[in-house]
Amino acid sequence: MHTIPESKKNHLWRKVVWYTDPDEHPLGPYHSVEVYCSEESNGYAVWYVRKLARDDSRGVPGVENADYLLNYFAKTARDDAIERAVLIANSDPSMDRIIENLDKLAAAGQKI
């Protein structure tokens, strides 16, 4: 049985937009981009987690790797929070354009 890490138990919805293929890089390093919606103590948050290599050309130049709080919703807006996460994680058929869109949203987000 697989156990869910404590930090992931409050995730309502999550999508890994891009990740390093472990078959191509079995010894690492591992990089990824993901969007998730989580339940917080007094509402719901939409997060963008950016973990790309320094020399990766994806996204907007100058955006740092970090966790970005993109949106925060009230306790009564659970569905709105999930919808926002789903829409931004699936905003384009091209993975590279999704990462670029997320980087643009991160400029207005709160970096953690």
C-alpha atoms as a PDB file:
ATOM      1  CA  MET A   1       0.000   0.000   0.000  1.00  0.00           C
ATOM      2  CA  HIS A   2       1.295   3.443  -0.931  1.00  0.00           C
ATOM      3  CA  THR A   3       0.983   6.116   1.687  1.00  0.00           C
ATOM      4  CA  ILE A   4       0.326   9.722   0.754  1.00  0.00           C
ATOM      5  CA  PRO A   5       2.944  12.140   2.089  1.00  0.00           C
ATOM      6  CA  GLU A   6       1.589  14.477   4.761  1.00  0.00           C
ATOM      7  CA  SER A   7       2.264  17.528   2.565  1.00  0.00           C
ATOM      8  CA  LYS A   8       0.046  16.105  -0.209  1.00  0.00           C
ATOM      9  CA  LYS A   9      -2.975  15.130   1.903  1.00  0.00           C
ATOM     10  CA  ASN A  10      -4.628  18.509   1.507  1.00  0.00           C
ATOM     11  CA  HIS A  11      -4.335  18.504  -2.315  1.00  0.00           C
ATOM     12  CA  LEU A  12      -7.757  18.579  -3.960  1.00  0.00           C
ATOM     13  CA  TRP A  13      -6.460  18.501  -7.521  1.00  0.00           C
ATOM     14  CA  ARG A  14      -2.971  18.221  -8.987  1.00  0.00           C
ATOM     15  CA  LYS A  15      -1.410  18.044 -12.436  1.00  0.00           C
ATOM     16  CA  VAL A  16       2.236  17.554 -13.295  1.00  0.00           C
ATOM     17  CA  VAL A  17       2.568  19.628 -16.461  1.00  0.00           C
ATOM     18  CA  TRP A  18       6.104  18.461 -17.252  1.00  0.00           C
ATOM     19  CA  TYR A  19       8.757  16.302 -15.587  1.00  0.00           C
ATOM     20  CA  THR A  20      12.151  14.806 -16.338  1.00  0.00           C
ATOM     21  CA  ASP A  21      11.752  11.384 -17.915  1.00  0.00           C
ATOM     22  CA  PRO A  22      13.334   8.910 -15.453  1.00  0.00           C
ATOM     23  CA  ASP A  23      14.062   6.482 -18.314  1.00  0.00           C
ATOM     24  CA  GLU A  24      16.222   9.093 -20.039  1.00  0.00           C
ATOM     25  CA  HIS A  25      17.828  10.360 -16.806  1.00  0.00           C
ATOM     26  CA  PRO A  26      17.796   7.428 -14.341  1.00  0.00           C
ATOM     27  CA  LEU A  27      20.340   9.058 -12.012  1.00  0.00           C
ATOM     28  CA  GLY A  28      18.749  12.509 -12.086  1.00  0.00           C
ATOM     29  CA  PRO A  29      18.615  15.376 -11.773  1.00  0.00           C
ATOM     30  CA  TYR A  30      14.837  15.469 -11.640  1.00  0.00           C
ATOM     31  CA  HIS A  31      12.938  18.574 -12.677  1.00  0.00           C
ATOM     32  CA  SER A  32       9.226  19.274 -12.923  1.00  0.00           C
ATOM     33  CA  VAL A  33       6.449  21.815 -13.294  1.00  0.00           C
ATOM     34  CA  GLU A  34       3.128  21.275 -11.552  1.00  0.00           C
ATOM     35  CA  VAL A  35      -0.086  23.046 -10.644  1.00  0.00           C
ATOM     36  CA  TYR A  36      -2.228  22.054  -7.716  1.00  0.00           C
ATOM     37  CA  CYS A  37      -5.175  23.186  -5.657  1.00  0.00           C
ATOM     38  CA  SER A  38      -5.026  22.605  -1.926  1.00  0.00           C
ATOM     39  CA  GLU A  39      -7.232  23.145   1.082  1.00  0.00           C
ATOM     40  CA  GLU A  40      -5.722  25.610   3.528  1.00  0.00           C
ATOM     41  CA  SER A  41      -6.832  26.431   7.063  1.00  0.00           C
ATOM     42  CA  ASN A  42      -9.174  29.227   5.985  1.00  0.00           C
ATOM     43  CA  GLY A  43      -9.720  28.690   2.256  1.00  0.00           C
ATOM     44  CA  TYR A  44      -8.293  27.171  -0.899  1.00  0.00           C
ATOM     45  CA  ALA A  45      -5.066  27.968  -2.716  1.00  0.00           C
ATOM     46  CA  VAL A  46      -3.887  27.437  -6.288  1.00  0.00           C
ATOM     47  CA  TRP A  47      -0.137  26.809  -6.472  1.00  0.00           C
ATOM     48  CA  TYR A  48       2.429  26.691  -9.266  1.00  0.00           C
ATOM     49  CA  VAL A  49       5.585  24.719  -8.441  1.00  0.00           C
ATOM     50  CA  ARG A  50       8.479  25.430 -10.798  1.00  0.00           C
ATOM     51  CA  LYS A  51      11.582  23.213 -10.595  1.00  0.00           C
ATOM     52  CA  LEU A  52      13.439  23.563 -13.885  1.00  0.00           C
ATOM     53  CA  ALA A  53      17.144  23.306 -14.607  1.00  0.00           C
ATOM     54  CA  ARG A  54      19.037  26.610 -14.657  1.00  0.00           C
ATOM     55  CA  ASP A  55      19.844  26.216 -18.343  1.00  0.00           C
ATOM     56  CA  ASP A  56      16.306  25.150 -19.314  1.00  0.00           C
ATOM     57  CA  SER A  57      14.901  27.434 -21.994  1.00  0.00           C
ATOM     58  CA  ARG A  58      11.254  26.769 -21.119  1.00  0.00           C
ATOM     59  CA  GLY A  59       9.108  29.562 -19.804  1.00  0.00           C
ATOM     60  CA  VAL A  60       9.788  33.256 -19.388  1.00  0.00           C
ATOM     61  CA  PRO A  61      13.458  34.249 -18.944  1.00  0.00           C
ATOM     62  CA  GLY A  62      14.271  35.473 -15.449  1.00  0.00           C
ATOM     63  CA  VAL A  63      11.577  33.534 -13.581  1.00  0.00           C
ATOM     64  CA  GLU A  64      13.130  31.667 -10.669  1.00  0.00           C
ATOM     65  CA  ASN A  65      12.358  28.187  -9.447  1.00  0.00           C
ATOM     66  CA  ALA A  66       9.989  28.395  -6.501  1.00  0.00           C
ATOM     67  CA  ASP A  67       6.489  27.680  -5.261  1.00  0.00           C
ATOM     68  CA  TYR A  68       4.135  30.447  -6.377  1.00  0.00           C
ATOM     69  CA  LEU A  69       0.752  31.147  -4.821  1.00  0.00           C
ATOM     70  CA  LEU A  70      -1.306  32.142  -7.848  1.00  0.00           C
ATOM     71  CA  ASN A  71      -4.759  32.525  -6.292  1.00  0.00           C
ATOM     72  CA  TYR A  72      -6.465  32.250  -2.930  1.00  0.00           C
ATOM     73  CA  PHE A  73     -10.163  31.500  -2.515  1.00  0.00           C
ATOM     74  CA  ALA A  74     -12.565  31.643   0.438  1.00  0.00           C
ATOM     75  CA  LYS A  75     -13.796  28.516   2.241  1.00  0.00           C
ATOM     76  CA  THR A  76     -17.048  28.755   0.273  1.00  0.00           C
ATOM     77  CA  ALA A  77     -15.295  28.812  -3.128  1.00  0.00           C
ATOM     78  CA  ARG A  78     -13.899  25.269  -3.298  1.00  0.00           C
ATOM     79  CA  ASP A  79     -15.204  24.585  -6.811  1.00  0.00           C
ATOM     80  CA  ASP A  80     -13.901  27.933  -8.090  1.00  0.00           C
ATOM     81  CA  ALA A  81     -10.422  27.125  -6.788  1.00  0.00           C
ATOM     82  CA  ILE A  82     -10.373  23.694  -8.436  1.00  0.00           C
ATOM     83  CA  GLU A  83     -11.728  25.152 -11.685  1.00  0.00           C
ATOM     84  CA  ARG A  84      -9.009  27.841 -11.715  1.00  0.00           C
ATOM     85  CA  ALA A  85      -6.264  25.230 -11.220  1.00  0.00           C
ATOM     86  CA  VAL A  86      -7.669  22.982 -13.947  1.00  0.00           C
ATOM     87  CA  LEU A  87      -8.043  25.830 -16.432  1.00  0.00           C
ATOM     88  CA  ILE A  88      -4.532  27.227 -16.017  1.00  0.00           C
ATOM     89  CA  ALA A  89      -2.913  23.769 -16.058  1.00  0.00           C
ATOM     90  CA  ASN A  90      -4.706  22.948 -19.314  1.00  0.00           C
ATOM     91  CA  SER A  91      -4.594  26.400 -20.902  1.00  0.00           C
ATOM     92  CA  ASP A  92      -2.867  25.276 -24.096  1.00  0.00           C
ATOM     93  CA  PRO A  93      -2.166  22.043 -25.992  1.00  0.00           C
ATOM     94  CA  SER A  94       1.557  22.885 -25.952  1.00  0.00           C
ATOM     95  CA  MET A  95       3.377  22.086 -22.713  1.00  0.00           C
ATOM     96  CA  ASP A  96       5.930  24.835 -23.385  1.00  0.00           C
ATOM     97  CA  ARG A  97       3.190  27.461 -23.757  1.00  0.00           C
ATOM     98  CA  ILE A  98       1.543  26.267 -20.546  1.00  0.00           C
ATOM     99  CA  ILE A  99       4.847  26.781 -18.714  1.00  0.00           C
ATOM    100  CA  GLU A 100       5.190  30.212 -20.309  1.00  0.00           C
ATOM    101  CA  ASN A 101       1.629  31.124 -19.217  1.00  0.00           C
ATOM    102  CA  LEU A 102       2.344  29.898 -15.691  1.00  0.00           C
ATOM    103  CA  ASP A 103       5.528  31.982 -15.548  1.00  0.00           C
ATOM    104  CA  LYS A 104       3.534  35.055 -16.572  1.00  0.00           C
ATOM    105  CA  LEU A 105       0.998  34.344 -13.826  1.00  0.00           C
ATOM    106  CA  ALA A 106       3.851  33.833 -11.347  1.00  0.00           C
ATOM    107  CA  ALA A 107       4.970  37.435 -11.900  1.00  0.00           C
ATOM    108  CA  ALA A 108       1.752  38.555 -10.199  1.00  0.00           C
ATOM    109  CA  GLY A 109       1.757  35.662  -7.710  1.00  0.00           C
ATOM    110  CA  GLN A 110       3.378  35.377  -4.334  1.00  0.00           C
ATOM    111  CA  LYS A 111       6.725  33.538  -4.301  1.00  0.00           C
ATOM    112  CA  ILE A 112       7.324  31.145  -1.425  1.00  0.00           C
END
